[in-house]
């Protein structure tokens, strides 16, 4: 170990203290540096620093001249970053020290005074919340766009009959529009949850300093107001170590991607030749390197696959936090890449899925043929018998016998002669065929939230009014 003191201005020495008697090794620099990815926090870092500087000046902690110099320097740095001229240095470890070092080069001692009353611990927590809040605000319209795309695709198909499934077996006929609006409901809940997540993201950690607060007369409420936060984090230890907001966002993203994946799975199934319910534009499909006839729904498949990626980030963040004692630990450097990738993945997926869904080509005849294959109106026959006075369980048994005969003859219930149907129960009369048609079944579901076209149009109108 060298006995000579390290020059604090040496580019290869630590940027934080003269305590150390030798520079950090290049291997450690590369291992611990985060500037290669956390530079995307630059705009948030500059905004937080300017708010902090303004407060320090207002509190008399720094002079007006220093404040003006900091503002001038930060304006130059912002312009350089925007233009791609800013030189990011690995030896300065992260976005915060890179910006502070350049500020000091530009404005001298004023730049050194900027860090008064704060630590990188509360600084990075503030930057991350600022950045994530902006991303949340950008994701909200993408969620709305996804819902609009589904409504647009649903609107012409309120009376298009689709086989509704349980256990992936034909269950009852539903309106195709009704089916798509189920996903609108899912994404609407996601939008509500995102609004709620934002409330807990939007709290200011700055002023907590390293962990215990500071002896400087800071006005944290002023900084919060300047940056648009709803309030301040109440406990300094929690302020610097809390990543619940990131976890909650990742959990929200996982739920949203789960909804995306369910829709993607249905699109893959519907496009399969054995279903043949829809077609997709060529631009959302790929071919095969060996089979010239193939049109693969790769966008939907990849969206389904990327869901696992987002789940992995959630589990990674949970695992990252589970063993940390209070307060801040270097482990938290690992919170950014999964969070960044979660945002990027979700934003790209919502954009492309909305485009693809809006261009779905529906094949109503194929849907209706499939609905006729699975005795989809069996429950309607049971309901018919109940209205004639039978207990539902008895009606259920009667219809089971009728279905069994239909299967043996290879015909749908609606195709059985009235004389045959009457053999199952005397209450069956010549009005029975009206309830055994797919259209009759659809029209009968008039309950609020049901699949009757009239109800579906009401649901659609409500969504359109909400989405604007």
Protein backbone atom coordinates (compact mmCIF):
# COMPACT_ATOMS: atom_id res chain seq x y z
CA UNK A 1 0.00 0.00 0.00
CA UNK A 2 1.34 3.41 -0.94
CA UNK A 3 2.40 5.73 1.89
CA UNK A 4 1.93 8.83 -0.25
CA UNK A 5 -1.35 10.74 0.04
CA UNK A 6 -3.63 10.56 -2.97
CA UNK A 7 -4.19 13.74 -4.91
CA UNK A 8 -7.96 14.37 -4.59
CA UNK A 9 -7.98 15.90 -8.07
CA UNK A 10 -6.48 12.78 -9.66
CA UNK A 11 -9.12 11.39 -12.02
CA UNK A 12 -8.42 7.85 -10.83
CA UNK A 13 -8.83 8.58 -7.14
CA UNK A 14 -12.04 8.35 -5.21
CA UNK A 15 -14.35 11.29 -5.67
CA UNK A 16 -15.59 11.35 -2.09
CA UNK A 17 -12.79 11.42 0.47
CA UNK A 18 -9.07 11.87 1.16
CA UNK A 19 -9.30 9.14 3.80
CA UNK A 20 -8.17 6.45 1.40
CA UNK A 21 -4.49 5.97 0.79
CA UNK A 22 -4.67 4.27 -2.59
CA UNK A 23 -6.92 4.62 -5.61
CA UNK A 24 -9.68 2.17 -6.34
CA UNK A 25 -8.58 -0.60 -8.68
CA UNK A 26 -9.88 -0.50 -12.21
CA UNK A 27 -11.60 -3.86 -11.64
CA UNK A 28 -13.49 -2.45 -8.64
CA UNK A 29 -14.31 0.70 -10.58
CA UNK A 30 -15.92 -1.31 -13.34
CA UNK A 31 -17.71 -3.58 -10.86
CA UNK A 32 -19.17 -0.81 -8.70
CA UNK A 33 -19.83 1.89 -11.29
CA UNK A 34 -23.42 2.52 -12.32
CA UNK A 35 -22.99 5.45 -14.69
CA UNK A 36 -23.37 3.20 -17.73
CA UNK A 37 -27.06 2.75 -16.86
CA UNK A 38 -28.05 5.34 -14.24
CA UNK A 39 -27.22 8.24 -16.57
CA UNK A 40 -30.86 8.06 -17.63
CA UNK A 41 -31.58 9.70 -14.26
CA UNK A 42 -29.67 12.82 -15.35
CA UNK A 43 -32.70 15.04 -15.93
CA UNK A 44 -34.18 14.04 -12.59
CA UNK A 45 -30.82 14.58 -10.87
CA UNK A 46 -30.49 18.08 -12.29
CA UNK A 47 -34.08 18.97 -11.37
CA UNK A 48 -33.55 17.73 -7.82
CA UNK A 49 -30.27 19.62 -7.52
CA UNK A 50 -31.78 22.87 -8.74
CA UNK A 51 -34.66 22.58 -6.26
CA UNK A 52 -32.18 21.82 -3.47
CA UNK A 53 -29.98 24.77 -4.46
CA UNK A 54 -32.95 27.12 -4.56
CA UNK A 55 -33.95 26.04 -1.08
CA UNK A 56 -30.38 26.40 0.26
CA UNK A 57 -30.27 29.96 -1.09
CA UNK A 58 -33.68 30.80 0.37
CA UNK A 59 -32.54 29.46 3.75
CA UNK A 60 -29.30 31.46 3.62
CA UNK A 61 -27.14 28.33 3.54
CA UNK A 62 -25.55 29.37 0.23
CA UNK A 63 -25.32 32.82 -1.31
CA UNK A 64 -27.41 34.19 -4.12
CA UNK A 65 -24.27 34.33 -6.26
CA UNK A 66 -23.59 30.66 -5.66
CA UNK A 67 -27.19 29.84 -6.50
CA UNK A 68 -26.99 31.78 -9.76
CA UNK A 69 -23.73 30.04 -10.65
CA UNK A 70 -25.27 26.62 -9.97
CA UNK A 71 -28.24 27.47 -12.18
CA UNK A 72 -25.93 28.65 -14.94
CA UNK A 73 -23.76 25.57 -14.73
CA UNK A 74 -26.69 23.16 -14.66
CA UNK A 75 -28.16 24.84 -17.74
CA UNK A 76 -24.90 24.17 -19.57
CA UNK A 77 -24.78 20.57 -18.38
CA UNK A 78 -28.37 19.97 -19.45
CA UNK A 79 -27.64 21.35 -22.89
CA UNK A 80 -24.52 19.20 -23.21
CA UNK A 81 -26.36 16.03 -22.18
CA UNK A 82 -29.20 16.80 -24.56
CA UNK A 83 -26.75 17.35 -27.41
CA UNK A 84 -24.73 14.22 -26.57
CA UNK A 85 -21.63 16.28 -25.72
CA UNK A 86 -21.42 15.38 -22.05
CA UNK A 87 -18.43 13.19 -21.16
CA UNK A 88 -19.50 10.44 -18.78
CA UNK A 89 -16.56 9.16 -16.71
CA UNK A 90 -16.47 5.67 -15.26
CA UNK A 91 -14.09 6.72 -12.48
CA UNK A 92 -16.76 9.11 -11.17
CA UNK A 93 -18.95 6.07 -10.56
CA UNK A 94 -22.49 7.35 -11.13
CA UNK A 95 -24.68 10.01 -12.68
CA UNK A 96 -24.63 12.15 -9.53
CA UNK A 97 -20.86 12.50 -9.17
CA UNK A 98 -20.42 12.98 -12.91
CA UNK A 99 -22.80 15.92 -12.92
CA UNK A 100 -21.43 17.40 -9.70
CA UNK A 101 -17.82 17.14 -10.93
CA UNK A 102 -18.67 18.84 -14.20
CA UNK A 103 -20.60 21.54 -12.34
CA UNK A 104 -17.56 22.24 -10.19
CA UNK A 105 -15.40 22.48 -13.32
CA UNK A 106 -17.81 25.03 -14.74
CA UNK A 107 -18.57 27.22 -11.69
CA UNK A 108 -15.87 26.43 -9.13
CA UNK A 109 -16.63 26.46 -5.40
CA UNK A 110 -20.34 27.06 -5.95
CA UNK A 111 -20.51 23.58 -7.41
CA UNK A 112 -18.87 22.15 -4.29
CA UNK A 113 -21.45 23.87 -2.08
CA UNK A 114 -24.40 22.24 -3.86
CA UNK A 115 -24.07 19.03 -1.86
CA UNK A 116 -24.53 20.85 1.45
CA UNK A 117 -27.25 19.22 3.54
CA UNK A 118 -27.72 16.16 1.36
CA UNK A 119 -26.16 12.76 0.69
CA UNK A 120 -26.07 10.58 -2.36
CA UNK A 121 -28.42 8.34 -0.37
CA UNK A 122 -31.31 10.78 -0.30
CA UNK A 123 -30.25 12.20 -3.66
CA UNK A 124 -30.55 8.89 -5.54
CA UNK A 125 -33.82 8.04 -3.79
CA UNK A 126 -35.20 11.40 -4.93
CA UNK A 127 -33.92 10.99 -8.47
CA UNK A 128 -35.42 7.52 -8.77
CA UNK A 129 -38.82 8.70 -7.54
CA UNK A 130 -38.76 11.71 -9.88
CA UNK A 131 -37.83 9.54 -12.83
CA UNK A 132 -40.40 6.86 -12.04
CA UNK A 133 -43.14 9.44 -11.58
CA UNK A 134 -42.43 10.73 -15.07
CA UNK A 135 -42.52 7.21 -16.48
CA UNK A 136 -45.81 6.51 -14.73
CA UNK A 137 -47.25 9.64 -16.31
CA UNK A 138 -46.05 8.40 -19.71
CA UNK A 139 -47.45 4.90 -19.20
CA UNK A 140 -50.95 6.07 -18.27
CA UNK A 141 -51.85 7.22 -21.82
CA UNK A 142 -50.42 3.96 -23.21
CA UNK A 143 -52.84 2.05 -20.99
CA UNK A 144 -55.65 4.26 -22.22
CA UNK A 145 -54.52 3.63 -25.80
CA UNK A 146 -54.66 -0.12 -25.20
CA UNK A 147 -58.22 0.20 -23.97
CA UNK A 148 -59.24 2.37 -26.92
CA UNK A 149 -57.79 -0.15 -29.35
CA UNK A 150 -59.86 -2.91 -27.77
CA UNK A 151 -63.02 -0.78 -27.88
CA UNK A 152 -62.34 0.08 -31.54
CA UNK A 153 -61.99 -3.59 -32.42
CA UNK A 154 -65.05 -4.51 -30.38
CA UNK A 155 -67.44 -1.88 -31.73
CA UNK A 156 -68.42 -3.61 -35.01
CA UNK A 157 -68.88 -6.97 -33.27
CA UNK A 158 -71.53 -6.57 -30.60
CA UNK A 159 -73.59 -9.22 -32.41
CA UNK A 160 -70.74 -11.41 -33.63
CA UNK A 161 -71.07 -14.74 -31.86
CA UNK A 162 -67.97 -16.25 -30.27
CA UNK A 163 -67.88 -19.49 -28.29
CA UNK A 164 -67.25 -18.59 -24.68
CA UNK A 165 -65.02 -21.10 -22.94
CA UNK A 166 -64.43 -22.51 -19.51
CA UNK A 167 -61.58 -25.02 -19.16
CA UNK A 168 -61.02 -24.21 -22.86
CA UNK A 169 -64.17 -26.18 -23.60
CA UNK A 170 -67.13 -24.57 -25.36
CA UNK A 171 -69.43 -23.26 -22.62
CA UNK A 172 -71.90 -20.58 -23.78
CA UNK A 173 -72.09 -18.21 -26.73
CA UNK A 174 -70.89 -14.67 -26.09
CA UNK A 175 -70.59 -11.53 -28.14
CA UNK A 176 -67.05 -11.09 -29.49
CA UNK A 177 -67.27 -7.45 -28.44
CA UNK A 178 -68.20 -8.58 -24.93
CA UNK A 179 -65.10 -10.77 -24.86
CA UNK A 180 -62.81 -7.91 -25.89
CA UNK A 181 -64.42 -5.58 -23.36
CA UNK A 182 -63.41 -8.01 -20.61
CA UNK A 183 -59.82 -6.97 -21.37
CA UNK A 184 -60.83 -3.33 -21.29
CA UNK A 185 -62.01 -3.95 -17.73
CA UNK A 186 -58.65 -5.52 -16.85
CA UNK A 187 -56.63 -2.64 -18.25
CA UNK A 188 -58.99 -0.15 -16.61
CA UNK A 189 -58.18 -1.73 -13.25
CA UNK A 190 -54.50 -1.50 -14.13
CA UNK A 191 -54.97 2.21 -14.78
CA UNK A 192 -56.64 2.65 -11.38
CA UNK A 193 -53.81 0.78 -9.67
CA UNK A 194 -51.20 2.88 -11.47
CA UNK A 195 -52.83 6.06 -10.19
CA UNK A 196 -52.67 4.63 -6.69
CA UNK A 197 -49.02 3.57 -7.07
CA UNK A 198 -48.12 7.10 -8.14
CA UNK A 199 -49.33 8.49 -4.82
CA UNK A 200 -46.72 6.50 -2.90
CA UNK A 201 -43.99 7.20 -5.44
CA UNK A 202 -44.60 10.93 -5.09
CA UNK A 203 -42.98 11.50 -1.68
CA UNK A 204 -39.74 13.43 -1.22
CA UNK A 205 -36.76 11.74 0.47
CA UNK A 206 -34.40 14.71 0.02
CA UNK A 207 -33.41 16.22 3.35
CA UNK A 208 -32.93 12.86 5.02
CA UNK A 209 -29.24 13.17 4.08
CA UNK A 210 -27.23 9.98 4.68
CA UNK A 211 -29.71 8.48 7.14
CA UNK A 212 -30.28 10.72 10.16
CA UNK A 213 -31.29 14.06 8.69
CA UNK A 214 -29.03 17.11 8.82
CA UNK A 215 -28.16 20.01 11.09
CA UNK A 216 -28.66 22.53 8.28
CA UNK A 217 -31.95 24.47 8.37
CA UNK A 218 -33.48 22.81 5.34
CA UNK A 219 -37.02 23.50 4.16
CA UNK A 220 -38.05 20.11 2.87
CA UNK A 221 -41.62 21.18 2.18
CA UNK A 222 -40.35 23.90 -0.15
CA UNK A 223 -38.31 21.38 -2.13
CA UNK A 224 -41.29 19.02 -2.26
CA UNK A 225 -43.51 21.78 -3.63
CA UNK A 226 -40.89 22.85 -6.18
CA UNK A 227 -40.55 19.30 -7.50
CA UNK A 228 -44.26 18.57 -7.46
CA UNK A 229 -44.16 16.00 -4.67
CA UNK A 230 -47.27 15.50 -2.55
CA UNK A 231 -45.24 15.57 0.68
CA UNK A 232 -42.04 14.43 2.34
CA UNK A 233 -40.93 11.04 3.64
CA UNK A 234 -41.52 11.29 7.38
CA UNK A 235 -38.63 9.18 8.71
CA UNK A 236 -35.07 9.83 7.56
CA UNK A 237 -33.98 6.19 7.91
CA UNK A 238 -36.92 4.98 5.87
CA UNK A 239 -36.53 7.81 3.35
CA UNK A 240 -33.10 6.68 2.15
CA UNK A 241 -33.67 2.91 2.37
CA UNK A 242 -37.26 2.56 1.16
CA UNK A 243 -37.76 0.93 -2.22
CA UNK A 244 -41.36 -0.10 -1.64
CA UNK A 245 -42.37 2.35 -4.35
CA UNK A 246 -40.20 0.49 -6.87
CA UNK A 247 -41.50 -2.88 -5.68
CA UNK A 248 -45.09 -1.71 -5.89
CA UNK A 249 -44.54 -0.41 -9.40
CA UNK A 250 -42.91 -3.70 -10.41
CA UNK A 251 -45.84 -5.62 -8.92
CA UNK A 252 -48.25 -3.38 -10.83
CA UNK A 253 -46.25 -3.98 -14.01
CA UNK A 254 -46.36 -7.74 -13.45
CA UNK A 255 -50.16 -7.69 -13.11
CA UNK A 256 -50.50 -5.52 -16.21
CA UNK A 257 -48.23 -7.81 -18.21
CA UNK A 258 -50.24 -10.78 -16.99
CA UNK A 259 -53.30 -9.19 -18.62
CA UNK A 260 -51.27 -8.55 -21.77
CA UNK A 261 -50.16 -12.17 -21.77
CA UNK A 262 -53.69 -13.52 -21.43
CA UNK A 263 -54.79 -11.45 -24.41
CA UNK A 264 -51.70 -12.50 -26.36
CA UNK A 265 -52.44 -16.16 -25.63
CA UNK A 266 -55.97 -15.79 -26.97
CA UNK A 267 -54.70 -14.08 -30.10
CA UNK A 268 -52.27 -16.95 -30.69
CA UNK A 269 -55.09 -19.48 -30.25
CA UNK A 270 -57.60 -17.56 -32.35
CA UNK A 271 -55.12 -17.29 -35.22
CA UNK A 272 -54.35 -21.01 -35.14
CA UNK A 273 -55.89 -22.80 -38.13
CA UNK A 274 -57.86 -25.11 -35.82
CA UNK A 275 -59.66 -22.03 -34.50
CA UNK A 276 -59.36 -19.62 -37.43
CA UNK A 277 -61.29 -16.90 -35.62
CA UNK A 278 -59.06 -13.95 -36.57
CA UNK A 279 -56.23 -12.89 -38.80
CA UNK A 280 -53.42 -10.45 -38.13
CA UNK A 281 -51.74 -8.03 -40.49
CA UNK A 282 -48.51 -9.34 -42.00
CA UNK A 283 -46.50 -6.66 -40.24
CA UNK A 284 -47.20 -8.35 -36.90
CA UNK A 285 -46.25 -11.82 -38.10
CA UNK A 286 -43.12 -13.60 -39.25
CA UNK A 287 -42.44 -16.53 -41.53
CA UNK A 288 -40.37 -19.65 -41.19
CA UNK A 289 -36.83 -20.19 -42.45
CA UNK A 290 -37.81 -23.63 -43.73
CA UNK A 291 -41.64 -23.78 -44.04
CA UNK A 292 -42.86 -21.28 -46.63
CA UNK A 293 -46.52 -21.57 -45.64
CA UNK A 294 -46.05 -20.30 -42.09
CA UNK A 295 -47.41 -17.02 -40.71
CA UNK A 296 -46.43 -16.93 -37.07
CA UNK A 297 -47.99 -14.50 -34.54
CA UNK A 298 -44.59 -13.58 -33.17
CA UNK A 299 -45.59 -10.23 -31.65
CA UNK A 300 -48.24 -11.88 -29.47
CA UNK A 301 -45.88 -14.72 -28.56
CA UNK A 302 -43.10 -12.32 -27.62
CA UNK A 303 -45.46 -10.23 -25.50
CA UNK A 304 -46.39 -13.43 -23.71
CA UNK A 305 -42.70 -14.23 -23.25
CA UNK A 306 -41.75 -10.77 -22.02
CA UNK A 307 -44.26 -11.19 -19.22
CA UNK A 308 -41.84 -13.65 -17.63
CA UNK A 309 -39.07 -11.07 -17.93
CA UNK A 310 -41.14 -8.54 -15.96
CA UNK A 311 -42.04 -11.17 -13.34
CA UNK A 312 -38.32 -11.87 -12.98
CA UNK A 313 -37.58 -8.22 -12.29
CA UNK A 314 -40.21 -8.18 -9.54
CA UNK A 315 -38.72 -11.24 -7.90
CA UNK A 316 -35.24 -9.79 -8.27
CA UNK A 317 -36.24 -6.56 -6.53
CA UNK A 318 -38.02 -8.43 -3.73
CA UNK A 319 -34.96 -10.59 -3.18
CA UNK A 320 -32.70 -7.53 -3.32
CA UNK A 321 -34.57 -5.89 -0.45
CA UNK A 322 -35.40 -8.83 1.79
CA UNK A 323 -32.09 -9.03 3.69
CA UNK A 324 -31.14 -5.38 4.05
CA UNK A 325 -30.82 -3.86 7.51
CA UNK A 326 -31.51 -0.15 7.88
CA UNK A 327 -30.58 2.07 6.34
CA UNK A 328 -28.96 2.46 2.90
CA UNK A 329 -26.80 -0.33 1.46
CA UNK A 330 -24.85 -0.61 -1.76
CA UNK A 331 -27.20 -3.45 -2.74
CA UNK A 332 -29.65 -0.77 -3.79
CA UNK A 333 -27.53 0.11 -6.79
CA UNK A 334 -29.07 -3.05 -8.24
CA UNK A 335 -32.59 -1.62 -8.11
CA UNK A 336 -32.24 0.50 -11.23
CA UNK A 337 -31.62 -1.86 -14.13
CA UNK A 338 -34.62 -4.10 -13.39
CA UNK A 339 -36.80 -1.04 -12.87
CA UNK A 340 -35.56 0.61 -16.07
CA UNK A 341 -36.09 -2.56 -18.07
CA UNK A 342 -39.56 -3.09 -16.60
CA UNK A 343 -40.61 0.37 -17.78
CA UNK A 344 -39.04 -0.10 -21.22
CA UNK A 345 -40.57 -3.54 -21.70
CA UNK A 346 -44.03 -2.50 -20.61
CA UNK A 347 -44.10 0.69 -22.67
CA UNK A 348 -42.96 -1.08 -25.85
CA UNK A 349 -45.39 -3.95 -25.30
CA UNK A 350 -48.42 -1.73 -24.72
CA UNK A 351 -47.64 0.29 -27.86
CA UNK A 352 -47.28 -2.66 -30.19
CA UNK A 353 -50.14 -4.67 -28.71
CA UNK A 354 -52.51 -1.70 -29.09
CA UNK A 355 -51.54 -1.32 -32.74
CA UNK A 356 -51.95 -5.04 -33.41
CA UNK A 357 -55.30 -5.33 -31.63
CA UNK A 358 -56.73 -2.35 -33.51
CA UNK A 359 -56.03 -4.14 -36.81
CA UNK A 360 -57.45 -7.58 -35.98
CA UNK A 361 -59.47 -9.07 -38.85
CA UNK A 362 -62.42 -11.03 -37.45
CA UNK A 363 -63.85 -14.18 -39.08
CA UNK A 364 -67.43 -14.37 -37.74
CA UNK A 365 -68.41 -17.51 -39.65
CA UNK A 366 -65.59 -19.52 -38.10
CA UNK A 367 -66.52 -18.27 -34.65
CA UNK A 368 -70.15 -19.22 -35.10
CA UNK A 369 -69.30 -22.67 -36.46
CA UNK A 370 -67.15 -23.32 -33.40
CA UNK A 371 -69.92 -22.15 -31.06
CA UNK A 372 -72.25 -24.76 -32.59
CA UNK A 373 -69.88 -27.61 -31.89
CA UNK A 374 -70.01 -27.65 -28.12
CA UNK A 375 -73.73 -27.56 -27.20
CA UNK A 376 -73.31 -23.98 -26.14
CA UNK A 377 -77.06 -23.50 -25.60
CA UNK A 378 -77.46 -26.39 -23.13
CA UNK A 379 -77.79 -23.98 -20.22
CA UNK A 380 -80.48 -22.11 -22.14
CA UNK A 381 -82.53 -25.30 -22.37
CA UNK A 382 -82.11 -25.81 -18.62
CA UNK A 383 -83.22 -22.22 -17.98
CA UNK A 384 -86.21 -22.80 -20.28
CA UNK A 385 -87.28 -25.78 -18.16
CA UNK A 386 -86.80 -23.82 -14.93
CA UNK A 387 -89.14 -21.17 -16.26
CA UNK A 388 -91.62 -23.98 -16.90
CA UNK A 389 -91.49 -24.89 -13.21
CA UNK A 390 -88.67 -27.46 -12.85
CA UNK A 391 -86.05 -27.10 -10.12
CA UNK A 392 -82.73 -26.19 -11.72
CA UNK A 393 -80.98 -29.39 -10.67
CA UNK A 394 -83.71 -31.49 -12.27
CA UNK A 395 -83.57 -29.37 -15.40
CA UNK A 396 -79.79 -29.79 -15.47
CA UNK A 397 -80.21 -33.59 -15.49
CA UNK A 398 -82.86 -33.52 -18.23
CA UNK A 399 -80.60 -31.45 -20.48
CA UNK A 400 -77.65 -33.78 -19.84
CA UNK A 401 -79.70 -36.61 -21.35
CA UNK A 402 -80.63 -34.43 -24.32
CA UNK A 403 -76.97 -33.54 -24.93
CA UNK A 404 -76.04 -37.22 -24.75
CA UNK A 405 -78.54 -38.00 -27.52
CA UNK A 406 -77.28 -35.06 -29.56
CA UNK A 407 -73.72 -36.34 -29.28
CA UNK A 408 -74.76 -39.81 -30.33
CA UNK A 409 -76.52 -38.42 -33.42
CA UNK A 410 -73.83 -35.86 -34.19
CA UNK A 411 -76.25 -32.93 -34.10
CA UNK A 412 -76.68 -29.78 -32.01
CA UNK A 413 -79.62 -29.42 -29.59
CA UNK A 414 -81.26 -26.96 -31.94
CA UNK A 415 -81.18 -29.64 -34.65
CA UNK A 416 -83.05 -32.25 -32.61
CA UNK A 417 -86.69 -32.62 -33.70
CA UNK A 418 -89.35 -31.30 -31.33
CA UNK A 419 -90.70 -34.85 -30.92
CA UNK A 420 -87.30 -36.01 -29.69
CA UNK A 421 -86.94 -33.07 -27.31
CA UNK A 422 -90.39 -33.75 -25.85
CA UNK A 423 -89.26 -37.23 -24.83
CA UNK A 424 -86.89 -35.69 -22.31
CA UNK A 425 -89.63 -33.77 -20.50
CA UNK A 426 -93.30 -33.04 -21.10
CA UNK A 427 -92.83 -29.34 -20.39
CA UNK A 428 -90.87 -28.91 -23.61
CA UNK A 429 -93.11 -27.35 -26.26
CA UNK A 430 -92.88 -25.80 -29.71
CA UNK A 431 -91.42 -22.55 -28.29
CA UNK A 432 -88.22 -24.37 -27.31
CA UNK A 433 -86.26 -23.80 -30.52
CA UNK A 434 -86.31 -20.05 -30.00
CA UNK A 435 -84.08 -20.47 -26.94
CA UNK A 436 -81.81 -23.09 -28.51
CA UNK A 437 -80.36 -20.81 -31.20
CA UNK A 438 -77.06 -19.07 -30.59
CA UNK A 439 -78.70 -15.72 -31.31
CA UNK A 440 -81.49 -16.43 -28.83
CA UNK A 441 -78.96 -17.40 -26.19
CA UNK A 442 -77.02 -14.19 -26.77
CA UNK A 443 -80.09 -11.97 -26.65
CA UNK A 444 -81.33 -13.62 -23.45
CA UNK A 445 -78.34 -12.50 -21.37
CA UNK A 446 -79.88 -9.14 -20.53
CA UNK A 447 -78.58 -8.94 -16.96
CA UNK A 448 -76.36 -5.95 -16.19
CA UNK A 449 -72.87 -6.84 -17.35
CA UNK A 450 -74.20 -9.63 -19.56
CA UNK A 451 -73.39 -10.47 -23.17
CA UNK A 452 -76.67 -9.40 -24.78
CA UNK A 453 -75.80 -6.93 -27.57
CA UNK A 454 -77.87 -4.19 -25.91
CA UNK A 455 -75.92 -4.55 -22.68
CA UNK A 456 -72.61 -4.71 -24.56
CA UNK A 457 -73.38 -1.46 -26.36
CA UNK A 458 -74.07 0.14 -22.98
CA UNK A 459 -70.71 -1.09 -21.67
CA UNK A 460 -68.97 0.20 -24.77
CA UNK A 461 -70.58 3.63 -24.49
CA UNK A 462 -69.46 3.87 -20.87
CA UNK A 463 -65.86 2.98 -21.79
CA UNK A 464 -65.80 5.46 -24.67
CA UNK A 465 -67.09 8.23 -22.42
CA UNK A 466 -64.49 7.39 -19.78
CA UNK A 467 -61.59 7.19 -22.21
CA UNK A 468 -62.57 10.31 -24.15
